[in-house]
Structure formats: C-alpha cells, structure tokens
Amino acid sequence: MSEKKGSRKHSPEFRISIAERMLAGENVAMLSREFDLPRSMMYRWRDAYRERGPSALSGSRGRPPSLASSGGLRTAGSGTEEQLRRRVAELERTIGRQSVQIDFFKGVFRRLEEVPKTSATGGKASTRKSGGQRSLKTKS
C-alpha cells in the first residue's frame, strides 16, 4: 500500500450517495474500505453536502473559473440571482435532510413490522364470555 494512487474522478452521483450514506449513519471506516477511498475525502464530501446540499458535489473538481475568464462582469441583477442560488441550495439541503429522515423512519417501520404480533393478553386464550354459549364445530 506504499504505492501512490493515481487521481480518480468520481461522479457527482457517487459523491452524493457517499455523503448521504454517511449522514444516514453508516460506518465511515467500512465505506472507506468498501470503496477504497480516503476517509478525509469522504468527510469533505459530507461537509460540503451538509453546508450546500447536493449541488455542492454536482460540479466538477477544482477551482471554479474566474469572472474575468468567463468573459463578463457581474450585472446589476446578479445580486438577486445569487440570492436565488442560495435559496435553492438551502432548499436542496432541506430535501436532503428530509430524505435521510424518511429513510431512517422507513427502516424503523420495517423493523417494527418484523416484530412478532401477540395478543393484548399475552398470547393466551380469551377469558371473556361470549354471551353464555359457545359454538362448537363438529364434523358431519
């Protein structure tokens, strides 16, 4: 393991899935071994996901292009555009948190459904009287 690993590129979907699995409580060391990833990288993905939502992991790696190289200056309406981008990122974070919570509760309900059902009297025969008469089924 002393060999230096080459730079690998991971798809945005992969990075988002790792971040969501970490937020759902999966063991980070296990994920690191399973996908042969450094834990520090996975923590960076998780933190970016927490702060800015899935859109933080959707872009390409590296430094974003500067305004000068994009060929234009900021316009007067860009402040509103920036506010809208922040709002969208905030809503994406909220959706991400809610999807993690939904997945958690689905798991809880699934486990509850697997619990054996017992009657309120502890599984014993009923001691209530049914109007004084019992119907017995007989074979004809």
N, C-alpha and C. Protein backbone atom coordinates (compact mmCIF):
# COMPACT_ATOMS: atom_id res chain seq x y z
N MET A 1 0.81 -1.19 0.00
CA MET A 1 0.00 0.00 0.00
C MET A 1 0.85 1.26 0.00
N SER A 2 2.14 1.12 -0.20
CA SER A 2 3.00 2.29 -0.22
C SER A 2 2.98 2.99 -1.56
N GLU A 3 2.34 2.36 -2.56
CA GLU A 3 2.26 2.99 -3.87
C GLU A 3 1.29 4.16 -3.83
N LYS A 4 1.66 5.21 -4.54
CA LYS A 4 0.78 6.38 -4.62
C LYS A 4 -0.34 6.09 -5.60
N LYS A 5 -1.56 6.31 -5.17
CA LYS A 5 -2.72 6.07 -6.02
C LYS A 5 -2.86 7.20 -7.01
N GLY A 6 -3.25 6.87 -8.22
CA GLY A 6 -3.49 7.89 -9.23
C GLY A 6 -4.76 8.66 -8.92
N SER A 7 -4.86 9.81 -9.52
CA SER A 7 -6.04 10.63 -9.30
C SER A 7 -7.25 9.97 -9.96
N ARG A 8 -8.28 9.72 -9.17
CA ARG A 8 -9.51 9.14 -9.71
C ARG A 8 -10.58 10.20 -9.70
N LYS A 9 -11.43 10.16 -10.68
CA LYS A 9 -12.56 11.09 -10.72
C LYS A 9 -13.81 10.31 -10.35
N HIS A 10 -14.59 10.89 -9.47
CA HIS A 10 -15.82 10.25 -9.02
C HIS A 10 -17.00 11.07 -9.51
N SER A 11 -18.01 10.39 -9.97
CA SER A 11 -19.18 11.08 -10.50
C SER A 11 -19.90 11.82 -9.37
N PRO A 12 -20.61 12.88 -9.71
CA PRO A 12 -21.38 13.60 -8.69
C PRO A 12 -22.37 12.68 -7.97
N GLU A 13 -22.99 11.76 -8.71
CA GLU A 13 -23.95 10.84 -8.09
C GLU A 13 -23.27 9.97 -7.04
N PHE A 14 -22.04 9.52 -7.34
CA PHE A 14 -21.30 8.69 -6.40
C PHE A 14 -20.97 9.48 -5.13
N ARG A 15 -20.46 10.72 -5.31
CA ARG A 15 -20.10 11.54 -4.15
C ARG A 15 -21.33 11.85 -3.30
N ILE A 16 -22.46 12.14 -3.95
CA ILE A 16 -23.69 12.42 -3.22
C ILE A 16 -24.14 11.19 -2.45
N SER A 17 -24.06 10.01 -3.08
CA SER A 17 -24.50 8.78 -2.39
C SER A 17 -23.63 8.49 -1.18
N ILE A 18 -22.32 8.72 -1.29
CA ILE A 18 -21.42 8.50 -0.14
C ILE A 18 -21.78 9.47 0.98
N ALA A 19 -21.99 10.74 0.65
CA ALA A 19 -22.34 11.75 1.67
C ALA A 19 -23.66 11.38 2.35
N GLU A 20 -24.65 10.95 1.58
CA GLU A 20 -25.95 10.59 2.16
C GLU A 20 -25.83 9.36 3.04
N ARG A 21 -25.03 8.39 2.62
CA ARG A 21 -24.84 7.19 3.44
C ARG A 21 -24.16 7.54 4.76
N MET A 22 -23.19 8.46 4.70
CA MET A 22 -22.53 8.89 5.93
C MET A 22 -23.52 9.60 6.85
N LEU A 23 -24.34 10.48 6.27
CA LEU A 23 -25.32 11.21 7.07
C LEU A 23 -26.39 10.27 7.63
N ALA A 24 -26.62 9.16 6.95
CA ALA A 24 -27.60 8.18 7.44
C ALA A 24 -27.02 7.34 8.57
N GLY A 25 -25.71 7.48 8.84
CA GLY A 25 -25.12 6.80 9.98
C GLY A 25 -24.30 5.57 9.64
N GLU A 26 -24.02 5.35 8.38
CA GLU A 26 -23.20 4.17 8.04
C GLU A 26 -21.78 4.38 8.53
N ASN A 27 -21.11 3.29 8.82
CA ASN A 27 -19.75 3.30 9.35
C ASN A 27 -18.79 3.83 8.29
N VAL A 28 -18.07 4.91 8.63
CA VAL A 28 -17.18 5.56 7.68
C VAL A 28 -15.99 4.67 7.34
N ALA A 29 -15.44 3.98 8.32
CA ALA A 29 -14.30 3.10 8.06
C ALA A 29 -14.71 1.98 7.09
N MET A 30 -15.92 1.46 7.26
CA MET A 30 -16.39 0.40 6.38
C MET A 30 -16.56 0.93 4.95
N LEU A 31 -17.14 2.12 4.80
CA LEU A 31 -17.30 2.73 3.48
C LEU A 31 -15.94 2.98 2.84
N SER A 32 -14.99 3.42 3.65
CA SER A 32 -13.65 3.70 3.15
C SER A 32 -13.01 2.44 2.59
N ARG A 33 -13.15 1.32 3.30
CA ARG A 33 -12.59 0.06 2.82
C ARG A 33 -13.35 -0.45 1.60
N GLU A 34 -14.68 -0.34 1.64
CA GLU A 34 -15.51 -0.85 0.55
C GLU A 34 -15.19 -0.18 -0.78
N PHE A 35 -14.98 1.14 -0.75
CA PHE A 35 -14.77 1.87 -1.98
C PHE A 35 -13.32 2.30 -2.19
N ASP A 36 -12.44 1.91 -1.25
CA ASP A 36 -11.02 2.25 -1.32
C ASP A 36 -10.83 3.76 -1.47
N LEU A 37 -11.47 4.49 -0.53
CA LEU A 37 -11.40 5.95 -0.53
C LEU A 37 -10.79 6.44 0.78
N PRO A 38 -10.06 7.54 0.73
CA PRO A 38 -9.57 8.13 1.99
C PRO A 38 -10.75 8.70 2.79
N ARG A 39 -10.74 8.46 4.08
CA ARG A 39 -11.83 8.97 4.91
C ARG A 39 -11.89 10.49 4.87
N SER A 40 -10.72 11.14 4.80
CA SER A 40 -10.70 12.61 4.79
C SER A 40 -11.48 13.15 3.58
N MET A 41 -11.36 12.48 2.44
CA MET A 41 -12.09 12.90 1.25
C MET A 41 -13.60 12.73 1.47
N MET A 42 -13.97 11.62 2.06
CA MET A 42 -15.39 11.36 2.30
C MET A 42 -15.96 12.38 3.28
N TYR A 43 -15.17 12.76 4.30
CA TYR A 43 -15.64 13.78 5.25
C TYR A 43 -15.79 15.14 4.55
N ARG A 44 -14.89 15.46 3.61
CA ARG A 44 -15.04 16.72 2.86
C ARG A 44 -16.33 16.70 2.05
N TRP A 45 -16.63 15.56 1.42
CA TRP A 45 -17.87 15.44 0.65
C TRP A 45 -19.08 15.62 1.56
N ARG A 46 -19.03 14.95 2.72
CA ARG A 46 -20.15 15.04 3.65
C ARG A 46 -20.36 16.47 4.13
N ASP A 47 -19.26 17.14 4.49
CA ASP A 47 -19.38 18.52 4.99
C ASP A 47 -19.90 19.46 3.91
N ALA A 48 -19.44 19.29 2.67
CA ALA A 48 -19.93 20.12 1.58
C ALA A 48 -21.42 19.86 1.35
N TYR A 49 -21.82 18.60 1.43
CA TYR A 49 -23.23 18.24 1.25
C TYR A 49 -24.07 18.88 2.35
N ARG A 50 -23.57 18.83 3.58
CA ARG A 50 -24.30 19.42 4.70
C ARG A 50 -24.46 20.93 4.53
N GLU A 51 -23.39 21.59 4.12
CA GLU A 51 -23.40 23.05 4.03
C GLU A 51 -24.20 23.57 2.84
N ARG A 52 -24.02 22.92 1.67
CA ARG A 52 -24.60 23.49 0.45
C ARG A 52 -25.51 22.53 -0.29
N GLY A 53 -25.73 21.34 0.25
CA GLY A 53 -26.64 20.39 -0.39
C GLY A 53 -25.99 19.64 -1.54
N PRO A 54 -26.79 18.86 -2.27
CA PRO A 54 -26.26 18.04 -3.36
C PRO A 54 -25.56 18.85 -4.45
N SER A 55 -25.96 20.09 -4.63
CA SER A 55 -25.34 20.90 -5.68
C SER A 55 -23.86 21.13 -5.41
N ALA A 56 -23.45 21.06 -4.14
CA ALA A 56 -22.04 21.24 -3.80
C ALA A 56 -21.18 20.13 -4.37
N LEU A 57 -21.76 18.95 -4.57
CA LEU A 57 -21.00 17.80 -5.07
C LEU A 57 -21.28 17.54 -6.54
N SER A 58 -22.12 18.34 -7.14
CA SER A 58 -22.50 18.11 -8.53
C SER A 58 -21.53 18.71 -9.53
N GLY A 59 -20.80 19.72 -9.12
CA GLY A 59 -19.89 20.38 -10.04
C GLY A 59 -18.62 19.59 -10.26
N SER A 60 -17.79 20.10 -11.16
CA SER A 60 -16.51 19.46 -11.40
C SER A 60 -15.55 19.81 -10.28
N ARG A 61 -14.46 19.07 -10.22
CA ARG A 61 -13.47 19.31 -9.19
C ARG A 61 -12.65 20.54 -9.52
N GLY A 62 -11.94 21.03 -8.53
CA GLY A 62 -11.01 22.12 -8.77
C GLY A 62 -11.61 23.49 -8.57
N ARG A 63 -10.81 24.49 -8.89
CA ARG A 63 -11.21 25.88 -8.70
C ARG A 63 -12.21 26.30 -9.78
N PRO A 64 -13.28 26.97 -9.39
CA PRO A 64 -14.23 27.43 -10.41
C PRO A 64 -13.59 28.50 -11.27
N PRO A 65 -14.03 28.64 -12.51
CA PRO A 65 -13.44 29.65 -13.39
C PRO A 65 -13.72 31.04 -12.84
N SER A 66 -12.76 31.94 -13.04
CA SER A 66 -12.92 33.31 -12.54
C SER A 66 -13.87 34.08 -13.43
N LEU A 67 -14.35 35.21 -12.94
CA LEU A 67 -15.26 36.05 -13.72
C LEU A 67 -14.56 36.61 -14.95
N ALA A 68 -13.27 36.93 -14.80
CA ALA A 68 -12.53 37.50 -15.93
C ALA A 68 -12.42 36.49 -17.06
N SER A 69 -12.19 35.24 -16.72
CA SER A 69 -12.04 34.24 -17.77
C SER A 69 -13.37 33.83 -18.36
N SER A 70 -14.48 34.10 -17.66
CA SER A 70 -15.78 33.74 -18.20
C SER A 70 -16.28 34.78 -19.19
N GLY A 71 -15.54 35.88 -19.31
CA GLY A 71 -15.86 36.84 -20.35
C GLY A 71 -16.89 37.89 -19.97
N GLY A 72 -17.11 38.14 -18.71
CA GLY A 72 -18.10 39.16 -18.38
C GLY A 72 -18.00 39.63 -16.95
N LEU A 73 -18.55 40.80 -16.72
CA LEU A 73 -18.61 41.34 -15.38
C LEU A 73 -19.98 41.03 -14.80
N ARG A 74 -20.09 41.21 -13.52
CA ARG A 74 -21.38 40.98 -12.88
C ARG A 74 -22.35 42.06 -13.29
N THR A 75 -23.59 41.66 -13.51
CA THR A 75 -24.62 42.63 -13.88
C THR A 75 -25.34 43.09 -12.64
N ALA A 76 -26.16 44.10 -12.78
CA ALA A 76 -26.89 44.64 -11.63
C ALA A 76 -27.84 43.62 -11.04
N GLY A 77 -28.39 42.73 -11.85
CA GLY A 77 -29.34 41.74 -11.37
C GLY A 77 -28.69 40.51 -10.77
N SER A 78 -27.37 40.45 -10.75
CA SER A 78 -26.71 39.24 -10.27
C SER A 78 -26.85 39.06 -8.76
N GLY A 79 -27.09 40.14 -8.03
CA GLY A 79 -27.32 40.01 -6.59
C GLY A 79 -28.57 39.19 -6.32
N THR A 80 -29.61 39.46 -7.07
CA THR A 80 -30.85 38.69 -6.94
C THR A 80 -30.62 37.25 -7.36
N GLU A 81 -29.85 37.08 -8.43
CA GLU A 81 -29.55 35.73 -8.89
C GLU A 81 -28.79 34.96 -7.82
N GLU A 82 -27.85 35.62 -7.16
CA GLU A 82 -27.08 34.97 -6.09
C GLU A 82 -28.00 34.60 -4.92
N GLN A 83 -28.93 35.48 -4.58
CA GLN A 83 -29.88 35.17 -3.51
C GLN A 83 -30.71 33.95 -3.88
N LEU A 84 -31.14 33.89 -5.14
CA LEU A 84 -31.93 32.74 -5.59
C LEU A 84 -31.11 31.45 -5.55
N ARG A 85 -29.84 31.55 -5.94
CA ARG A 85 -28.98 30.36 -5.88
C ARG A 85 -28.81 29.87 -4.44
N ARG A 86 -28.64 30.83 -3.52
CA ARG A 86 -28.52 30.44 -2.11
C ARG A 86 -29.80 29.79 -1.60
N ARG A 87 -30.93 30.33 -2.01
CA ARG A 87 -32.22 29.77 -1.59
C ARG A 87 -32.41 28.36 -2.13
N VAL A 88 -32.05 28.15 -3.39
CA VAL A 88 -32.15 26.82 -3.99
C VAL A 88 -31.24 25.85 -3.24
N ALA A 89 -30.02 26.28 -2.92
CA ALA A 89 -29.09 25.41 -2.18
C ALA A 89 -29.66 25.08 -0.81
N GLU A 90 -30.25 26.07 -0.16
CA GLU A 90 -30.86 25.84 1.16
C GLU A 90 -32.00 24.81 1.06
N LEU A 91 -32.83 24.96 0.04
CA LEU A 91 -33.94 24.02 -0.14
C LEU A 91 -33.44 22.62 -0.47
N GLU A 92 -32.37 22.53 -1.26
CA GLU A 92 -31.78 21.22 -1.56
C GLU A 92 -31.23 20.56 -0.30
N ARG A 93 -30.62 21.35 0.58
CA ARG A 93 -30.14 20.80 1.86
C ARG A 93 -31.31 20.27 2.69
N THR A 94 -32.39 21.05 2.73
CA THR A 94 -33.58 20.62 3.48
C THR A 94 -34.12 19.31 2.92
N ILE A 95 -34.22 19.22 1.60
CA ILE A 95 -34.70 17.99 0.98
C ILE A 95 -33.77 16.83 1.31
N GLY A 96 -32.47 17.08 1.28
CA GLY A 96 -31.50 16.03 1.61
C GLY A 96 -31.69 15.53 3.03
N ARG A 97 -31.83 16.46 3.98
CA ARG A 97 -32.04 16.07 5.37
C ARG A 97 -33.35 15.29 5.53
N GLN A 98 -34.39 15.76 4.86
CA GLN A 98 -35.68 15.07 4.96
C GLN A 98 -35.62 13.68 4.35
N SER A 99 -34.90 13.52 3.26
CA SER A 99 -34.80 12.18 2.65
C SER A 99 -34.04 11.23 3.57
N VAL A 100 -33.03 11.74 4.27
CA VAL A 100 -32.30 10.90 5.23
C VAL A 100 -33.25 10.50 6.36
N GLN A 101 -34.05 11.45 6.85
CA GLN A 101 -35.00 11.14 7.92
C GLN A 101 -36.05 10.13 7.45
N ILE A 102 -36.55 10.30 6.25
CA ILE A 102 -37.55 9.37 5.71
C ILE A 102 -36.97 7.97 5.62
N ASP A 103 -35.73 7.86 5.11
CA ASP A 103 -35.09 6.55 5.02
C ASP A 103 -34.94 5.92 6.40
N PHE A 104 -34.58 6.75 7.40
CA PHE A 104 -34.44 6.25 8.76
C PHE A 104 -35.77 5.68 9.28
N PHE A 105 -36.84 6.46 9.12
CA PHE A 105 -38.13 6.01 9.63
C PHE A 105 -38.68 4.83 8.85
N LYS A 106 -38.39 4.73 7.57
CA LYS A 106 -38.79 3.54 6.81
C LYS A 106 -38.13 2.30 7.40
N GLY A 107 -36.86 2.42 7.76
CA GLY A 107 -36.16 1.30 8.38
C GLY A 107 -36.77 0.93 9.73
N VAL A 108 -37.13 1.95 10.51
CA VAL A 108 -37.76 1.69 11.82
C VAL A 108 -39.08 0.97 11.62
N PHE A 109 -39.91 1.45 10.70
CA PHE A 109 -41.20 0.81 10.46
C PHE A 109 -41.03 -0.61 9.93
N ARG A 110 -40.03 -0.82 9.09
CA ARG A 110 -39.78 -2.16 8.56
C ARG A 110 -39.43 -3.11 9.70
N ARG A 111 -38.58 -2.62 10.63
CA ARG A 111 -38.22 -3.48 11.78
C ARG A 111 -39.41 -3.73 12.68
N LEU A 112 -40.28 -2.73 12.84
CA LEU A 112 -41.46 -2.91 13.67
C LEU A 112 -42.41 -3.93 13.07
N GLU A 113 -42.50 -3.97 11.75
CA GLU A 113 -43.37 -4.94 11.10
C GLU A 113 -42.83 -6.36 11.26
N GLU A 114 -41.54 -6.50 11.45
CA GLU A 114 -40.94 -7.82 11.61
C GLU A 114 -41.12 -8.38 13.02
N VAL A 115 -41.46 -7.52 13.99
CA VAL A 115 -41.65 -7.97 15.36
C VAL A 115 -42.89 -8.86 15.39
N PRO A 116 -42.78 -10.06 16.02
CA PRO A 116 -43.95 -10.96 16.05
C PRO A 116 -45.12 -10.30 16.77
N LYS A 117 -46.30 -10.49 16.22
CA LYS A 117 -47.52 -9.91 16.80
C LYS A 117 -48.04 -10.86 17.89
N THR A 118 -48.39 -10.30 19.04
CA THR A 118 -49.00 -11.07 20.12
C THR A 118 -50.28 -10.37 20.53
N SER A 119 -51.20 -11.12 21.10
CA SER A 119 -52.46 -10.50 21.52
C SER A 119 -52.23 -9.68 22.78
N ALA A 120 -53.20 -8.87 23.11
CA ALA A 120 -53.09 -7.98 24.27
C ALA A 120 -53.02 -8.78 25.56
N THR A 121 -53.48 -10.03 25.58
CA THR A 121 -53.46 -10.82 26.81
C THR A 121 -52.22 -11.71 26.88
N GLY A 122 -51.24 -11.40 26.09
CA GLY A 122 -50.01 -12.16 26.19
C GLY A 122 -50.03 -13.46 25.42
N GLY A 123 -50.92 -13.61 24.48
CA GLY A 123 -50.95 -14.80 23.65
C GLY A 123 -51.78 -15.93 24.22
N LYS A 124 -52.46 -15.71 25.34
CA LYS A 124 -53.30 -16.75 25.94
C LYS A 124 -54.70 -16.70 25.34
N ALA A 125 -55.44 -17.75 25.56
CA ALA A 125 -56.82 -17.81 25.08
C ALA A 125 -57.65 -16.77 25.80
N SER A 126 -58.66 -16.28 25.15
CA SER A 126 -59.52 -15.26 25.72
C SER A 126 -60.32 -15.84 26.88
N THR A 127 -60.48 -15.05 27.94
CA THR A 127 -61.27 -15.47 29.10
C THR A 127 -62.63 -14.80 29.11
N ARG A 128 -62.92 -14.01 28.10
CA ARG A 128 -64.21 -13.33 28.04
C ARG A 128 -65.29 -14.35 27.67
N LYS A 129 -66.44 -14.13 28.24
CA LYS A 129 -67.57 -15.00 27.92
C LYS A 129 -68.29 -14.44 26.72
N SER A 130 -68.70 -15.28 25.85
CA SER A 130 -69.37 -14.83 24.64
C SER A 130 -70.86 -15.07 24.74
N GLY A 131 -71.51 -14.41 25.64
CA GLY A 131 -72.95 -14.48 25.75
C GLY A 131 -73.45 -15.79 26.36
N GLY A 132 -72.61 -16.52 27.01
CA GLY A 132 -73.06 -17.72 27.71
C GLY A 132 -73.01 -19.00 26.88
N GLN A 133 -73.00 -18.92 25.60
CA GLN A 133 -72.98 -20.14 24.78
C GLN A 133 -71.76 -20.14 23.90
N ARG A 134 -71.23 -21.30 23.73
CA ARG A 134 -70.08 -21.48 22.87
C ARG A 134 -70.51 -22.26 21.66
N SER A 135 -70.06 -21.90 20.51
CA SER A 135 -70.42 -22.70 19.36
C SER A 135 -69.27 -23.67 19.10
N LEU A 136 -69.61 -24.89 18.98
CA LEU A 136 -68.62 -25.94 18.70
C LEU A 136 -68.84 -26.43 17.29
N LYS A 137 -67.80 -26.54 16.57
CA LYS A 137 -67.90 -27.07 15.21
C LYS A 137 -67.69 -28.57 15.30
N THR A 138 -68.59 -29.28 14.67
CA THR A 138 -68.47 -30.73 14.66
C THR A 138 -68.36 -31.21 13.22
N LYS A 139 -67.70 -32.31 13.06
CA LYS A 139 -67.57 -32.88 11.72
C LYS A 139 -68.84 -33.66 11.40
N SER A 140 -69.31 -33.55 10.19
CA SER A 140 -70.52 -34.26 9.81
C SER A 140 -70.18 -35.56 9.14
